[in-house]
Amino acid sequence: KPNHIFIIPEKRDLHVINNEFRLRPISKPWGWPDVITVFLKSITENWEGKLIAVIVSGLDGDGAEALCGIKEVCGTTIAQKPETAQKPDMPNTAIDSGCIDFILSPEDIAKKIIKLARKEITD
């Protein structure tokens, strides 16, 4: 739905199946969760719309493993500038993947998403 934010509940994975969000029991119940990686991989395999993946402050490197897949389907990838992140592990790992288009402050991330969305509307 446009203009909505969806949050993945604790101990769940989010998949895209038939263009719908579907919650499943978490696939990695021990260690650092990889729910962002699971979701991004699912969306690259099952979504035909425009993709913008944003990796922000967080521990470990969840999400980074799926960023090259986003690029392969012509999506856009954004990482938060590590120096602006309270926990820079996730942005640093994303940047290290070599599959990030933009490294931006939180304020500039919002502006970039708006610019990308407006471009999509006019294209």
PDB file of N, CA and C in Angstrom:
ATOM      1  N   LYS A   1       0.841  -1.180   0.000  1.00  0.00           N
ATOM      2  CA  LYS A   1       0.000   0.000   0.000  1.00  0.00           C
ATOM      3  C   LYS A   1       0.883   1.239   0.000  1.00  0.00           C
ATOM      4  N   PRO A   2       0.579   2.192  -0.838  1.00  0.00           N
ATOM      5  CA  PRO A   2       1.329   3.453  -0.800  1.00  0.00           C
ATOM      6  C   PRO A   2       1.134   4.169   0.541  1.00  0.00           C
ATOM      7  N   ASN A   3       2.145   4.909   0.929  1.00  0.00           N
ATOM      8  CA  ASN A   3       2.100   5.741   2.131  1.00  0.00           C
ATOM      9  C   ASN A   3       1.907   4.946   3.417  1.00  0.00           C
ATOM     10  N   HIS A   4       2.396   3.713   3.453  1.00  0.00           N
ATOM     11  CA  HIS A   4       2.346   2.882   4.642  1.00  0.00           C
ATOM     12  C   HIS A   4       3.743   2.341   4.940  1.00  0.00           C
ATOM     13  N   ILE A   5       3.996   2.104   6.195  1.00  0.00           N
ATOM     14  CA  ILE A   5       5.239   1.473   6.630  1.00  0.00           C
ATOM     15  C   ILE A   5       4.866   0.145   7.256  1.00  0.00           C
ATOM     16  N   PHE A   6       5.569  -0.899   6.862  1.00  0.00           N
ATOM     17  CA  PHE A   6       5.326  -2.219   7.415  1.00  0.00           C
ATOM     18  C   PHE A   6       6.559  -2.643   8.201  1.00  0.00           C
ATOM     19  N   ILE A   7       6.364  -3.147   9.397  1.00  0.00           N
ATOM     20  CA  ILE A   7       7.459  -3.560  10.263  1.00  0.00           C
ATOM     21  C   ILE A   7       7.383  -5.074  10.427  1.00  0.00           C
ATOM     22  N   ILE A   8       8.517  -5.737  10.235  1.00  0.00           N
ATOM     23  CA  ILE A   8       8.573  -7.186  10.378  1.00  0.00           C
ATOM     24  C   ILE A   8       8.536  -7.506  11.875  1.00  0.00           C
ATOM     25  N   PRO A   9       7.540  -8.287  12.322  1.00  0.00           N
ATOM     26  CA  PRO A   9       7.470  -8.629  13.746  1.00  0.00           C
ATOM     27  C   PRO A   9       8.644  -9.502  14.189  1.00  0.00           C
ATOM     28  N   GLU A  10       8.916  -9.476  15.468  1.00  0.00           N
ATOM     29  CA  GLU A  10       9.979 -10.282  16.044  1.00  0.00           C
ATOM     30  C   GLU A  10       9.744 -11.767  15.749  1.00  0.00           C
ATOM     31  N   LYS A  11      10.822 -12.483  15.486  1.00  0.00           N
ATOM     32  CA  LYS A  11      10.827 -13.926  15.243  1.00  0.00           C
ATOM     33  C   LYS A  11      10.013 -14.339  14.024  1.00  0.00           C
ATOM     34  N   ARG A  12       9.973 -13.460  13.017  1.00  0.00           N
ATOM     35  CA  ARG A  12       9.276 -13.756  11.768  1.00  0.00           C
ATOM     36  C   ARG A  12      10.140 -13.335  10.592  1.00  0.00           C
ATOM     37  N   ASP A  13       9.970 -14.020   9.472  1.00  0.00           N
ATOM     38  CA  ASP A  13      10.543 -13.616   8.195  1.00  0.00           C
ATOM     39  C   ASP A  13       9.408 -13.078   7.348  1.00  0.00           C
ATOM     40  N   LEU A  14       9.719 -12.120   6.499  1.00  0.00           N
ATOM     41  CA  LEU A  14       8.729 -11.559   5.591  1.00  0.00           C
ATOM     42  C   LEU A  14       9.118 -11.931   4.173  1.00  0.00           C
ATOM     43  N   HIS A  15       8.182 -12.519   3.461  1.00  0.00           N
ATOM     44  CA  HIS A  15       8.393 -12.927   2.073  1.00  0.00           C
ATOM     45  C   HIS A  15       7.381 -12.217   1.182  1.00  0.00           C
ATOM     46  N   VAL A  16       7.721 -12.096  -0.101  1.00  0.00           N
ATOM     47  CA  VAL A  16       6.766 -11.620  -1.091  1.00  0.00           C
ATOM     48  C   VAL A  16       6.375 -12.835  -1.923  1.00  0.00           C
ATOM     49  N   ILE A  17       5.088 -13.135  -1.922  1.00  0.00           N
ATOM     50  CA  ILE A  17       4.557 -14.271  -2.671  1.00  0.00           C
ATOM     51  C   ILE A  17       3.306 -13.777  -3.401  1.00  0.00           C
ATOM     52  N   ASN A  18       3.291 -13.947  -4.720  1.00  0.00           N
ATOM     53  CA  ASN A  18       2.161 -13.478  -5.535  1.00  0.00           C
ATOM     54  C   ASN A  18       1.840 -12.009  -5.269  1.00  0.00           C
ATOM     55  N   ASN A  19       2.898 -11.191  -5.196  1.00  0.00           N
ATOM     56  CA  ASN A  19       2.774  -9.744  -4.981  1.00  0.00           C
ATOM     57  C   ASN A  19       2.118  -9.378  -3.651  1.00  0.00           C
ATOM     58  N   GLU A  20       2.182 -10.261  -2.685  1.00  0.00           N
ATOM     59  CA  GLU A  20       1.648  -9.982  -1.348  1.00  0.00           C
ATOM     60  C   GLU A  20       2.705 -10.290  -0.303  1.00  0.00           C
ATOM     61  N   PHE A  21       2.688  -9.521   0.785  1.00  0.00           N
ATOM     62  CA  PHE A  21       3.568  -9.807   1.910  1.00  0.00           C
ATOM     63  C   PHE A  21       3.016 -11.010   2.663  1.00  0.00           C
ATOM     64  N   ARG A  22       3.899 -11.941   3.026  1.00  0.00           N
ATOM     65  CA  ARG A  22       3.522 -13.131   3.792  1.00  0.00           C
ATOM     66  C   ARG A  22       4.524 -13.328   4.919  1.00  0.00           C
ATOM     67  N   LEU A  23       4.023 -13.439   6.137  1.00  0.00           N
ATOM     68  CA  LEU A  23       4.883 -13.709   7.288  1.00  0.00           C
ATOM     69  C   LEU A  23       5.073 -15.209   7.438  1.00  0.00           C
ATOM     70  N   ARG A  24       6.276 -15.592   7.783  1.00  0.00           N
ATOM     71  CA  ARG A  24       6.616 -16.998   8.031  1.00  0.00           C
ATOM     72  C   ARG A  24       7.429 -17.061   9.323  1.00  0.00           C
ATOM     73  N   PRO A  25       7.458 -18.218   9.965  1.00  0.00           N
ATOM     74  CA  PRO A  25       8.339 -18.352  11.138  1.00  0.00           C
ATOM     75  C   PRO A  25       9.783 -18.054  10.733  1.00  0.00           C
ATOM     76  N   ILE A  26      10.535 -17.490  11.638  1.00  0.00           N
ATOM     77  CA  ILE A  26      11.902 -17.097  11.337  1.00  0.00           C
ATOM     78  C   ILE A  26      12.726 -18.313  10.898  1.00  0.00           C
ATOM     79  N   SER A  27      13.506 -18.138   9.858  1.00  0.00           N
ATOM     80  CA  SER A  27      14.291 -19.246   9.306  1.00  0.00           C
ATOM     81  C   SER A  27      15.618 -19.454  10.033  1.00  0.00           C
ATOM     82  N   LYS A  28      16.040 -18.457  10.797  1.00  0.00           N
ATOM     83  CA  LYS A  28      17.309 -18.552  11.532  1.00  0.00           C
ATOM     84  C   LYS A  28      17.048 -18.166  12.990  1.00  0.00           C
ATOM     85  N   PRO A  29      16.546 -19.125  13.783  1.00  0.00           N
ATOM     86  CA  PRO A  29      16.166 -18.789  15.164  1.00  0.00           C
ATOM     87  C   PRO A  29      17.328 -18.564  16.112  1.00  0.00           C
ATOM     88  N   TRP A  30      18.567 -18.969  15.723  1.00  0.00           N
ATOM     89  CA  TRP A  30      19.726 -18.815  16.597  1.00  0.00           C
ATOM     90  C   TRP A  30      20.748 -17.881  15.955  1.00  0.00           C
ATOM     91  N   GLY A  31      21.499 -17.180  16.771  1.00  0.00           N
ATOM     92  CA  GLY A  31      22.507 -16.261  16.251  1.00  0.00           C
ATOM     93  C   GLY A  31      21.871 -14.964  15.768  1.00  0.00           C
ATOM     94  N   TRP A  32      22.652 -14.209  15.000  1.00  0.00           N
ATOM     95  CA  TRP A  32      22.137 -12.945  14.482  1.00  0.00           C
ATOM     96  C   TRP A  32      21.057 -13.230  13.450  1.00  0.00           C
ATOM     97  N   PRO A  33      19.898 -12.616  13.579  1.00  0.00           N
ATOM     98  CA  PRO A  33      18.846 -12.847  12.588  1.00  0.00           C
ATOM     99  C   PRO A  33      19.232 -12.261  11.225  1.00  0.00           C
ATOM    100  N   ASP A  34      18.648 -12.801  10.177  1.00  0.00           N
ATOM    101  CA  ASP A  34      18.904 -12.288   8.828  1.00  0.00           C
ATOM    102  C   ASP A  34      17.599 -11.974   8.109  1.00  0.00           C
ATOM    103  N   VAL A  35      16.642 -11.421   8.863  1.00  0.00           N
ATOM    104  CA  VAL A  35      15.310 -11.166   8.298  1.00  0.00           C
ATOM    105  C   VAL A  35      15.341 -10.158   7.151  1.00  0.00           C
ATOM    106  N   ILE A  36      16.257  -9.216   7.171  1.00  0.00           N
ATOM    107  CA  ILE A  36      16.332  -8.240   6.087  1.00  0.00           C
ATOM    108  C   ILE A  36      16.868  -8.911   4.826  1.00  0.00           C
ATOM    109  N   THR A  37      17.890  -9.743   4.974  1.00  0.00           N
ATOM    110  CA  THR A  37      18.417 -10.491   3.832  1.00  0.00           C
ATOM    111  C   THR A  37      17.339 -11.383   3.237  1.00  0.00           C
ATOM    112  N   VAL A  38      16.614 -12.105   4.078  1.00  0.00           N
ATOM    113  CA  VAL A  38      15.535 -12.993   3.609  1.00  0.00           C
ATOM    114  C   VAL A  38      14.502 -12.193   2.830  1.00  0.00           C
ATOM    115  N   PHE A  39      14.088 -11.046   3.375  1.00  0.00           N
ATOM    116  CA  PHE A  39      13.081 -10.228   2.699  1.00  0.00           C
ATOM    117  C   PHE A  39      13.597  -9.685   1.374  1.00  0.00           C
ATOM    118  N   LEU A  40      14.808  -9.135   1.360  1.00  0.00           N
ATOM    119  CA  LEU A  40      15.334  -8.565   0.118  1.00  0.00           C
ATOM    120  C   LEU A  40      15.511  -9.629  -0.959  1.00  0.00           C
ATOM    121  N   LYS A  41      15.969 -10.811  -0.583  1.00  0.00           N
ATOM    122  CA  LYS A  41      16.093 -11.894  -1.570  1.00  0.00           C
ATOM    123  C   LYS A  41      14.722 -12.286  -2.112  1.00  0.00           C
ATOM    124  N   SER A  42      13.739 -12.372  -1.237  1.00  0.00           N
ATOM    125  CA  SER A  42      12.388 -12.725  -1.666  1.00  0.00           C
ATOM    126  C   SER A  42      11.826 -11.684  -2.633  1.00  0.00           C
ATOM    127  N   ILE A  43      12.060 -10.436  -2.323  1.00  0.00           N
ATOM    128  CA  ILE A  43      11.500  -9.374  -3.166  1.00  0.00           C
ATOM    129  C   ILE A  43      12.183  -9.332  -4.540  1.00  0.00           C
ATOM    130  N   THR A  44      13.488  -9.649  -4.604  1.00  0.00           N
ATOM    131  CA  THR A  44      14.149  -9.656  -5.912  1.00  0.00           C
ATOM    132  C   THR A  44      13.647 -10.803  -6.775  1.00  0.00           C
ATOM    133  N   GLU A  45      13.205 -11.878  -6.156  1.00  0.00           N
ATOM    134  CA  GLU A  45      12.729 -13.048  -6.898  1.00  0.00           C
ATOM    135  C   GLU A  45      11.240 -12.980  -7.245  1.00  0.00           C
ATOM    136  N   ASN A  46      10.472 -12.186  -6.503  1.00  0.00           N
ATOM    137  CA  ASN A  46       9.017 -12.257  -6.630  1.00  0.00           C
ATOM    138  C   ASN A  46       8.304 -10.929  -6.836  1.00  0.00           C
ATOM    139  N   TRP A  47       9.025  -9.879  -7.121  1.00  0.00           N
ATOM    140  CA  TRP A  47       8.409  -8.553  -7.274  1.00  0.00           C
ATOM    141  C   TRP A  47       8.849  -7.968  -8.599  1.00  0.00           C
ATOM    142  N   GLU A  48       7.910  -7.416  -9.342  1.00  0.00           N
ATOM    143  CA  GLU A  48       8.242  -6.850 -10.642  1.00  0.00           C
ATOM    144  C   GLU A  48       8.242  -5.329 -10.649  1.00  0.00           C
ATOM    145  N   GLY A  49       7.937  -4.727  -9.516  1.00  0.00           N
ATOM    146  CA  GLY A  49       7.918  -3.272  -9.441  1.00  0.00           C
ATOM    147  C   GLY A  49       9.298  -2.700  -9.155  1.00  0.00           C
ATOM    148  N   LYS A  50       9.354  -1.396  -9.007  1.00  0.00           N
ATOM    149  CA  LYS A  50      10.595  -0.677  -8.704  1.00  0.00           C
ATOM    150  C   LYS A  50      11.057  -1.033  -7.299  1.00  0.00           C
ATOM    151  N   LEU A  51      12.363  -1.243  -7.140  1.00  0.00           N
ATOM    152  CA  LEU A  51      12.919  -1.585  -5.833  1.00  0.00           C
ATOM    153  C   LEU A  51      13.919  -0.534  -5.377  1.00  0.00           C
ATOM    154  N   ILE A  52      13.778  -0.121  -4.128  1.00  0.00           N
ATOM    155  CA  ILE A  52      14.759   0.735  -3.480  1.00  0.00           C
ATOM    156  C   ILE A  52      15.045   0.093  -2.131  1.00  0.00           C
ATOM    157  N   ALA A  53      16.277  -0.343  -1.932  1.00  0.00           N
ATOM    158  CA  ALA A  53      16.672  -0.955  -0.666  1.00  0.00           C
ATOM    159  C   ALA A  53      17.524   0.034   0.114  1.00  0.00           C
ATOM    160  N   VAL A  54      17.181   0.238   1.385  1.00  0.00           N
ATOM    161  CA  VAL A  54      17.904   1.174   2.242  1.00  0.00           C
ATOM    162  C   VAL A  54      18.398   0.422   3.477  1.00  0.00           C
ATOM    163  N   ILE A  55      19.687   0.502   3.718  1.00  0.00           N
ATOM    164  CA  ILE A  55      20.286  -0.120   4.900  1.00  0.00           C
ATOM    165  C   ILE A  55      20.717   0.994   5.845  1.00  0.00           C
ATOM    166  N   VAL A  56      20.177   0.960   7.070  1.00  0.00           N
ATOM    167  CA  VAL A  56      20.471   1.993   8.062  1.00  0.00           C
ATOM    168  C   VAL A  56      21.106   1.362   9.301  1.00  0.00           C
ATOM    169  N   SER A  57      21.314   2.173  10.302  1.00  0.00           N
ATOM    170  CA  SER A  57      21.963   1.796  11.549  1.00  0.00           C
ATOM    171  C   SER A  57      21.473   0.455  12.082  1.00  0.00           C
ATOM    172  N   GLY A  58      22.419  -0.395  12.468  1.00  0.00           N
ATOM    173  CA  GLY A  58      22.074  -1.681  13.053  1.00  0.00           C
ATOM    174  C   GLY A  58      23.307  -2.530  13.264  1.00  0.00           C
ATOM    175  N   LEU A  59      23.152  -3.581  14.047  1.00  0.00           N
ATOM    176  CA  LEU A  59      24.257  -4.483  14.340  1.00  0.00           C
ATOM    177  C   LEU A  59      24.386  -5.561  13.279  1.00  0.00           C
ATOM    178  N   ASP A  60      25.566  -6.084  13.133  1.00  0.00           N
ATOM    179  CA  ASP A  60      25.876  -7.167  12.205  1.00  0.00           C
ATOM    180  C   ASP A  60      25.739  -6.666  10.770  1.00  0.00           C
ATOM    181  N   GLY A  61      25.538  -7.551   9.830  1.00  0.00           N
ATOM    182  CA  GLY A  61      25.510  -7.161   8.423  1.00  0.00           C
ATOM    183  C   GLY A  61      24.254  -7.579   7.705  1.00  0.00           C
ATOM    184  N   ASP A  62      23.140  -7.711   8.424  1.00  0.00           N
ATOM    185  CA  ASP A  62      21.904  -8.166   7.800  1.00  0.00           C
ATOM    186  C   ASP A  62      21.539  -7.270   6.620  1.00  0.00           C
ATOM    187  N   GLY A  63      21.174  -7.895   5.513  1.00  0.00           N
ATOM    188  CA  GLY A  63      20.772  -7.180   4.311  1.00  0.00           C
ATOM    189  C   GLY A  63      21.848  -7.102   3.250  1.00  0.00           C
ATOM    190  N   ALA A  64      23.114  -7.032   3.649  1.00  0.00           N
ATOM    191  CA  ALA A  64      24.203  -6.824   2.694  1.00  0.00           C
ATOM    192  C   ALA A  64      24.291  -7.939   1.657  1.00  0.00           C
ATOM    193  N   GLU A  65      24.049  -9.167   2.069  1.00  0.00           N
ATOM    194  CA  GLU A  65      24.162 -10.312   1.171  1.00  0.00           C
ATOM    195  C   GLU A  65      23.182 -10.240   0.000  1.00  0.00           C
ATOM    196  N   ALA A  66      22.092  -9.516   0.155  1.00  0.00           N
ATOM    197  CA  ALA A  66      21.070  -9.446  -0.892  1.00  0.00           C
ATOM    198  C   ALA A  66      21.171  -8.213  -1.776  1.00  0.00           C
ATOM    199  N   LEU A  67      22.067  -7.282  -1.472  1.00  0.00           N
ATOM    200  CA  LEU A  67      22.114  -6.014  -2.205  1.00  0.00           C
ATOM    201  C   LEU A  67      22.504  -6.168  -3.666  1.00  0.00           C
ATOM    202  N   CYS A  68      23.427  -7.062  -3.970  1.00  0.00           N
ATOM    203  CA  CYS A  68      23.808  -7.258  -5.372  1.00  0.00           C
ATOM    204  C   CYS A  68      22.623  -7.799  -6.179  1.00  0.00           C
ATOM    205  N   GLY A  69      21.777  -8.598  -5.544  1.00  0.00           N
ATOM    206  CA  GLY A  69      20.560  -9.076  -6.206  1.00  0.00           C
ATOM    207  C   GLY A  69      19.607  -7.940  -6.533  1.00  0.00           C
ATOM    208  N   ILE A  70      19.514  -6.959  -5.654  1.00  0.00           N
ATOM    209  CA  ILE A  70      18.693  -5.769  -5.928  1.00  0.00           C
ATOM    210  C   ILE A  70      19.227  -5.065  -7.164  1.00  0.00           C
ATOM    211  N   LYS A  71      20.550  -4.908  -7.232  1.00  0.00           N
ATOM    212  CA  LYS A  71      21.174  -4.248  -8.392  1.00  0.00           C
ATOM    213  C   LYS A  71      20.932  -5.046  -9.669  1.00  0.00           C
ATOM    214  N   GLU A  72      20.992  -6.382  -9.587  1.00  0.00           N
ATOM    215  CA  GLU A  72      20.805  -7.232 -10.765  1.00  0.00           C
ATOM    216  C   GLU A  72      19.421  -7.070 -11.390  1.00  0.00           C
ATOM    217  N   VAL A  73      18.417  -6.705 -10.588  1.00  0.00           N
ATOM    218  CA  VAL A  73      17.069  -6.489 -11.130  1.00  0.00           C
ATOM    219  C   VAL A  73      16.793  -4.997 -11.320  1.00  0.00           C
ATOM    220  N   CYS A  74      17.879  -4.223 -11.456  1.00  0.00           N
ATOM    221  CA  CYS A  74      17.816  -2.775 -11.738  1.00  0.00           C
ATOM    222  C   CYS A  74      17.223  -1.957 -10.604  1.00  0.00           C
ATOM    223  N   GLY A  75      17.349  -2.446  -9.378  1.00  0.00           N
ATOM    224  CA  GLY A  75      16.906  -1.665  -8.231  1.00  0.00           C
ATOM    225  C   GLY A  75      17.979  -0.678  -7.809  1.00  0.00           C
ATOM    226  N   THR A  76      17.629   0.175  -6.865  1.00  0.00           N
ATOM    227  CA  THR A  76      18.542   1.174  -6.324  1.00  0.00           C
ATOM    228  C   THR A  76      18.858   0.812  -4.881  1.00  0.00           C
ATOM    229  N   THR A  77      20.122   0.949  -4.503  1.00  0.00           N
ATOM    230  CA  THR A  77      20.535   0.624  -3.139  1.00  0.00           C
ATOM    231  C   THR A  77      21.142   1.851  -2.467  1.00  0.00           C
ATOM    232  N   ILE A  78      20.787   2.008  -1.204  1.00  0.00           N
ATOM    233  CA  ILE A  78      21.228   3.167  -0.429  1.00  0.00           C
ATOM    234  C   ILE A  78      21.713   2.667   0.936  1.00  0.00           C
ATOM    235  N   ALA A  79      22.827   3.208   1.406  1.00  0.00           N
ATOM    236  CA  ALA A  79      23.311   2.934   2.763  1.00  0.00           C
ATOM    237  C   ALA A  79      23.422   4.249   3.516  1.00  0.00           C
ATOM    238  N   GLN A  80      23.113   4.198   4.795  1.00  0.00           N
ATOM    239  CA  GLN A  80      23.298   5.355   5.646  1.00  0.00           C
ATOM    240  C   GLN A  80      24.789   5.614   5.814  1.00  0.00           C
ATOM    241  N   LYS A  81      25.199   6.875   5.804  1.00  0.00           N
ATOM    242  CA  LYS A  81      26.595   7.230   6.079  1.00  0.00           C
ATOM    243  C   LYS A  81      26.944   6.674   7.456  1.00  0.00           C
ATOM    244  N   PRO A  82      27.980   5.832   7.525  1.00  0.00           N
ATOM    245  CA  PRO A  82      28.315   5.220   8.813  1.00  0.00           C
ATOM    246  C   PRO A  82      28.535   6.228   9.941  1.00  0.00           C
ATOM    247  N   GLU A  83      29.120   7.370   9.629  1.00  0.00           N
ATOM    248  CA  GLU A  83      29.379   8.353  10.694  1.00  0.00           C
ATOM    249  C   GLU A  83      28.099   8.974  11.249  1.00  0.00           C
ATOM    250  N   THR A  84      26.966   8.785  10.579  1.00  0.00           N
ATOM    251  CA  THR A  84      25.687   9.291  11.089  1.00  0.00           C
ATOM    252  C   THR A  84      24.887   8.194  11.779  1.00  0.00           C
ATOM    253  N   ALA A  85      25.390   6.960  11.760  1.00  0.00           N
ATOM    254  CA  ALA A  85      24.657   5.821  12.328  1.00  0.00           C
ATOM    255  C   ALA A  85      25.062   5.580  13.777  1.00  0.00           C
ATOM    256  N   GLN A  86      24.083   5.333  14.615  1.00  0.00           N
ATOM    257  CA  GLN A  86      24.374   5.006  16.009  1.00  0.00           C
ATOM    258  C   GLN A  86      25.098   3.661  16.092  1.00  0.00           C
ATOM    259  N   LYS A  87      24.726   2.728  15.209  1.00  0.00           N
ATOM    260  CA  LYS A  87      25.375   1.421  15.112  1.00  0.00           C
ATOM    261  C   LYS A  87      25.743   1.209  13.646  1.00  0.00           C
ATOM    262  N   PRO A  88      26.986   1.490  13.257  1.00  0.00           N
ATOM    263  CA  PRO A  88      27.360   1.508  11.842  1.00  0.00           C
ATOM    264  C   PRO A  88      27.639   0.141  11.201  1.00  0.00           C
ATOM    265  N   ASP A  89      27.493  -0.968  11.943  1.00  0.00           N
ATOM    266  CA  ASP A  89      27.811  -2.279  11.373  1.00  0.00           C
ATOM    267  C   ASP A  89      27.055  -2.551  10.067  1.00  0.00           C
ATOM    268  N   MET A  90      25.746  -2.388  10.070  1.00  0.00           N
ATOM    269  CA  MET A  90      24.959  -2.711   8.871  1.00  0.00           C
ATOM    270  C   MET A  90      25.312  -1.807   7.694  1.00  0.00           C
ATOM    271  N   PRO A  91      25.386  -0.489   7.860  1.00  0.00           N
ATOM    272  CA  PRO A  91      25.794   0.331   6.718  1.00  0.00           C
ATOM    273  C   PRO A  91      27.202   0.005   6.218  1.00  0.00           C
ATOM    274  N   ASN A  92      28.142  -0.231   7.140  1.00  0.00           N
ATOM    275  CA  ASN A  92      29.507  -0.560   6.725  1.00  0.00           C
ATOM    276  C   ASN A  92      29.539  -1.856   5.917  1.00  0.00           C
ATOM    277  N   THR A  93      28.828  -2.871   6.376  1.00  0.00           N
ATOM    278  CA  THR A  93      28.804  -4.147   5.663  1.00  0.00           C
ATOM    279  C   THR A  93      28.141  -3.980   4.300  1.00  0.00           C
ATOM    280  N   ALA A  94      27.095  -3.174   4.239  1.00  0.00           N
ATOM    281  CA  ALA A  94      26.427  -2.904   2.964  1.00  0.00           C
ATOM    282  C   ALA A  94      27.387  -2.218   1.991  1.00  0.00           C
ATOM    283  N   ILE A  95      28.092  -1.227   2.463  1.00  0.00           N
ATOM    284  CA  ILE A  95      29.051  -0.505   1.617  1.00  0.00           C
ATOM    285  C   ILE A  95      30.152  -1.453   1.151  1.00  0.00           C
ATOM    286  N   ASP A  96      30.638  -2.290   2.044  1.00  0.00           N
ATOM    287  CA  ASP A  96      31.689  -3.247   1.707  1.00  0.00           C
ATOM    288  C   ASP A  96      31.245  -4.266   0.653  1.00  0.00           C
ATOM    289  N   SER A  97      29.932  -4.445   0.477  1.00  0.00           N
ATOM    290  CA  SER A  97      29.436  -5.399  -0.524  1.00  0.00           C
ATOM    291  C   SER A  97      29.767  -4.943  -1.942  1.00  0.00           C
ATOM    292  N   GLY A  98      30.006  -3.641  -2.109  1.00  0.00           N
ATOM    293  CA  GLY A  98      30.269  -3.096  -3.438  1.00  0.00           C
ATOM    294  C   GLY A  98      29.014  -2.898  -4.269  1.00  0.00           C
ATOM    295  N   CYS A  99      27.863  -3.053  -3.657  1.00  0.00           N
ATOM    296  CA  CYS A  99      26.592  -2.961  -4.398  1.00  0.00           C
ATOM    297  C   CYS A  99      25.710  -1.819  -3.917  1.00  0.00           C
ATOM    298  N   ILE A 100      26.312  -0.747  -3.448  1.00  0.00           N
ATOM    299  CA  ILE A 100      25.561   0.418  -2.971  1.00  0.00           C
ATOM    300  C   ILE A 100      25.669   1.542  -3.990  1.00  0.00           C
ATOM    301  N   ASP A 101      24.521   2.119  -4.335  1.00  0.00           N
ATOM    302  CA  ASP A 101      24.490   3.253  -5.266  1.00  0.00           C
ATOM    303  C   ASP A 101      24.769   4.581  -4.570  1.00  0.00           C
ATOM    304  N   PHE A 102      24.212   4.753  -3.371  1.00  0.00           N
ATOM    305  CA  PHE A 102      24.316   6.036  -2.672  1.00  0.00           C
ATOM    306  C   PHE A 102      24.624   5.797  -1.199  1.00  0.00           C
ATOM    307  N   ILE A 103      25.514   6.609  -0.636  1.00  0.00           N
ATOM    308  CA  ILE A 103      25.821   6.601   0.791  1.00  0.00           C
ATOM    309  C   ILE A 103      25.422   7.982   1.298  1.00  0.00           C
ATOM    310  N   LEU A 104      24.364   8.034   2.113  1.00  0.00           N
ATOM    311  CA  LEU A 104      23.745   9.311   2.451  1.00  0.00           C
ATOM    312  C   LEU A 104      23.398   9.416   3.930  1.00  0.00           C
ATOM    313  N   SER A 105      23.246  10.646   4.394  1.00  0.00           N
ATOM    314  CA  SER A 105      22.738  10.898   5.744  1.00  0.00           C
ATOM    315  C   SER A 105      21.246  10.544   5.757  1.00  0.00           C
ATOM    316  N   PRO A 106      20.669  10.323   6.943  1.00  0.00           N
ATOM    317  CA  PRO A 106      19.226  10.026   6.990  1.00  0.00           C
ATOM    318  C   PRO A 106      18.372  11.073   6.273  1.00  0.00           C
ATOM    319  N   GLU A 107      18.700  12.337   6.430  1.00  0.00           N
ATOM    320  CA  GLU A 107      17.925  13.391   5.768  1.00  0.00           C
ATOM    321  C   GLU A 107      18.027  13.265   4.249  1.00  0.00           C
ATOM    322  N   ASP A 108      19.238  12.993   3.771  1.00  0.00           N
ATOM    323  CA  ASP A 108      19.431  12.870   2.327  1.00  0.00           C
ATOM    324  C   ASP A 108      18.839  11.574   1.770  1.00  0.00           C
ATOM    325  N   ILE A 109      18.749  10.534   2.607  1.00  0.00           N
ATOM    326  CA  ILE A 109      18.076   9.297   2.180  1.00  0.00           C
ATOM    327  C   ILE A 109      16.623   9.604   1.845  1.00  0.00           C
ATOM    328  N   ALA A 110      15.964  10.327   2.731  1.00  0.00           N
ATOM    329  CA  ALA A 110      14.552  10.674   2.490  1.00  0.00           C
ATOM    330  C   ALA A 110      14.400  11.482   1.207  1.00  0.00           C
ATOM    331  N   LYS A 111      15.269  12.454   1.013  1.00  0.00           N
ATOM    332  CA  LYS A 111      15.203  13.276  -0.207  1.00  0.00           C
ATOM    333  C   LYS A 111      15.438  12.435  -1.452  1.00  0.00           C
ATOM    334  N   LYS A 112      16.385  11.498  -1.394  1.00  0.00           N
ATOM    335  CA  LYS A 112      16.698  10.654  -2.549  1.00  0.00           C
ATOM    336  C   LYS A 112      15.516   9.735  -2.883  1.00  0.00           C
ATOM    337  N   ILE A 113      14.883   9.178  -1.877  1.00  0.00           N
ATOM    338  CA  ILE A 113      13.727   8.313  -2.123  1.00  0.00           C
ATOM    339  C   ILE A 113      12.611   9.103  -2.798  1.00  0.00           C
ATOM    340  N   ILE A 114      12.364  10.306  -2.326  1.00  0.00           N
ATOM    341  CA  ILE A 114      11.337  11.151  -2.948  1.00  0.00           C
ATOM    342  C   ILE A 114      11.695  11.432  -4.403  1.00  0.00           C
ATOM    343  N   LYS A 115      12.956  11.780  -4.655  1.00  0.00           N
ATOM    344  CA  LYS A 115      13.398  12.073  -6.018  1.00  0.00           C
ATOM    345  C   LYS A 115      13.249  10.835  -6.915  1.00  0.00           C
ATOM    346  N   LEU A 116      13.640   9.674  -6.420  1.00  0.00           N
ATOM    347  CA  LEU A 116      13.517   8.441  -7.200  1.00  0.00           C
ATOM    348  C   LEU A 116      12.056   8.095  -7.472  1.00  0.00           C
ATOM    349  N   ALA A 117      11.203   8.285  -6.463  1.00  0.00           N
ATOM    350  CA  ALA A 117       9.779   7.984  -6.643  1.00  0.00           C
ATOM    351  C   ALA A 117       9.150   8.935  -7.646  1.00  0.00           C
ATOM    352  N   ARG A 118       9.493  10.191  -7.592  1.00  0.00           N
ATOM    353  CA  ARG A 118       8.942  11.162  -8.535  1.00  0.00           C
ATOM    354  C   ARG A 118       9.405  10.869  -9.963  1.00  0.00           C
ATOM    355  N   LYS A 119      10.661  10.442 -10.105  1.00  0.00           N
ATOM    356  CA  LYS A 119      11.186  10.080 -11.418  1.00  0.00           C
ATOM    357  C   LYS A 119      10.400   8.901 -11.990  1.00  0.00           C
ATOM    358  N   GLU A 120      10.088   7.934 -11.144  1.00  0.00           N
ATOM    359  CA  GLU A 120       9.319   6.752 -11.575  1.00  0.00           C
ATOM    360  C   GLU A 120       7.934   7.162 -12.066  1.00  0.00           C
ATOM    361  N   ILE A 121       7.319   8.115 -11.390  1.00  0.00           N
ATOM    362  CA  ILE A 121       5.980   8.561 -11.759  1.00  0.00           C
ATOM    363  C   ILE A 121       5.996   9.244 -13.123  1.00  0.00           C
ATOM    364  N   THR A 122       7.048  10.013 -13.401  1.00  0.00           N
ATOM    365  CA  THR A 122       7.097  10.753 -14.668  1.00  0.00           C
ATOM    366  C   THR A 122       7.646   9.934 -15.831  1.00  0.00           C
ATOM    367  N   ASP A 123       8.316   8.817 -15.537  1.00  0.00           N
ATOM    368  CA  ASP A 123       8.871   7.967 -16.598  1.00  0.00           C
ATOM    369  C   ASP A 123       7.789   7.140 -17.291  1.00  0.00           C
TER     370      ASP A 123
END
